[in-house]
Amino acid sequence: MTVTRDQWLSRFAAELGIPEPTDQEIESLLALAGTAAHASERTAAPLSCWLVGRAGLAPAAAQAAAGRLAAHLDQA
């Protein structure tokens, strides 16, 4: 059985006992994953999202931090 992204997120959030992500949170996390994947090895993308959860940051704040890091790396 194949489910959509949103079906998976809804069911996984329920399994974890947390609210499902908002559209804005999803957009921010996808942007964060894109930033990480383009600034480093692709496998940094999902692991960066995991770090956001460990840090307890809002996805938008984490995306801003990732953008700062990527900009700094581009200048180096």
Protein backbone atom coordinates (compact mmCIF):
# COMPACT_ATOMS: atom_id res chain seq x y z
CA MET A 1 0.00 0.00 0.00
CA THR A 2 1.41 3.37 -1.02
CA VAL A 3 0.37 6.45 0.90
CA THR A 4 0.89 10.11 0.13
CA ARG A 5 3.38 12.28 1.95
CA ASP A 6 0.60 13.95 3.92
CA GLN A 7 -1.01 10.62 4.83
CA TRP A 8 2.35 9.34 6.04
CA LEU A 9 3.04 12.48 8.09
CA SER A 10 -0.42 12.40 9.65
CA ARG A 11 -0.15 8.74 10.59
CA PHE A 12 3.45 8.99 11.75
CA ALA A 13 2.67 12.01 13.92
CA ALA A 14 -0.21 10.08 15.47
CA GLU A 15 2.10 7.13 16.07
CA LEU A 16 4.55 9.45 17.83
CA GLY A 17 1.77 11.10 19.81
CA ILE A 18 2.42 14.59 18.45
CA PRO A 19 0.47 17.00 16.23
CA GLU A 20 1.06 16.67 12.51
CA PRO A 21 3.22 19.41 10.98
CA THR A 22 1.61 22.53 9.56
CA ASP A 23 2.04 23.47 5.93
CA GLN A 24 4.52 26.18 6.98
CA GLU A 25 6.54 23.70 9.04
CA ILE A 26 6.64 21.31 6.09
CA GLU A 27 7.82 24.08 3.76
CA SER A 28 10.53 25.14 6.21
CA LEU A 29 11.77 21.58 6.75
CA LEU A 30 11.87 20.90 3.01
CA ALA A 31 13.79 24.14 2.50
CA LEU A 32 16.19 23.16 5.28
CA ALA A 33 16.71 19.74 3.70
CA GLY A 34 17.36 21.40 0.34
CA THR A 35 19.88 23.80 1.84
CA ALA A 36 21.71 20.98 3.61
CA ALA A 37 21.71 18.77 0.52
CA HIS A 38 23.10 21.51 -1.71
CA ALA A 39 25.69 22.78 0.77
CA SER A 40 27.07 19.34 1.65
CA GLU A 41 26.57 15.66 0.98
CA ARG A 42 22.92 14.78 0.34
CA THR A 43 22.72 12.58 3.42
CA ALA A 44 23.09 15.70 5.57
CA ALA A 45 19.50 16.64 4.65
CA PRO A 46 17.53 14.11 6.73
CA LEU A 47 20.08 14.22 9.51
CA SER A 48 19.83 18.02 9.68
CA CYS A 49 16.07 17.68 10.11
CA TRP A 50 16.70 15.20 12.93
CA LEU A 51 19.01 17.74 14.58
CA VAL A 52 16.19 20.29 14.46
CA GLY A 53 14.04 17.91 16.47
CA ARG A 54 16.84 17.25 18.95
CA ALA A 55 17.40 20.99 19.36
CA GLY A 56 13.70 21.68 19.80
CA LEU A 57 13.82 24.47 17.22
CA ALA A 58 10.96 25.67 15.11
CA PRO A 59 11.54 24.65 11.48
CA ALA A 60 11.63 28.28 10.30
CA ALA A 61 14.35 29.14 12.83
CA ALA A 62 16.33 26.07 11.82
CA GLN A 63 16.05 26.99 8.13
CA ALA A 64 17.37 30.46 8.93
CA ALA A 65 20.33 28.92 10.76
CA ALA A 66 20.99 26.57 7.84
CA GLY A 67 20.91 29.50 5.44
CA ARG A 68 23.46 31.38 7.55
CA LEU A 69 25.75 28.34 7.68
CA ALA A 70 25.46 27.73 3.92
CA ALA A 71 26.23 31.40 3.18
CA HIS A 72 29.24 31.26 5.49
CA LEU A 73 30.50 28.09 3.78
CA ASP A 74 30.09 29.72 0.36
CA GLN A 75 32.27 32.62 1.48
CA ALA A 76 35.01 30.37 2.85
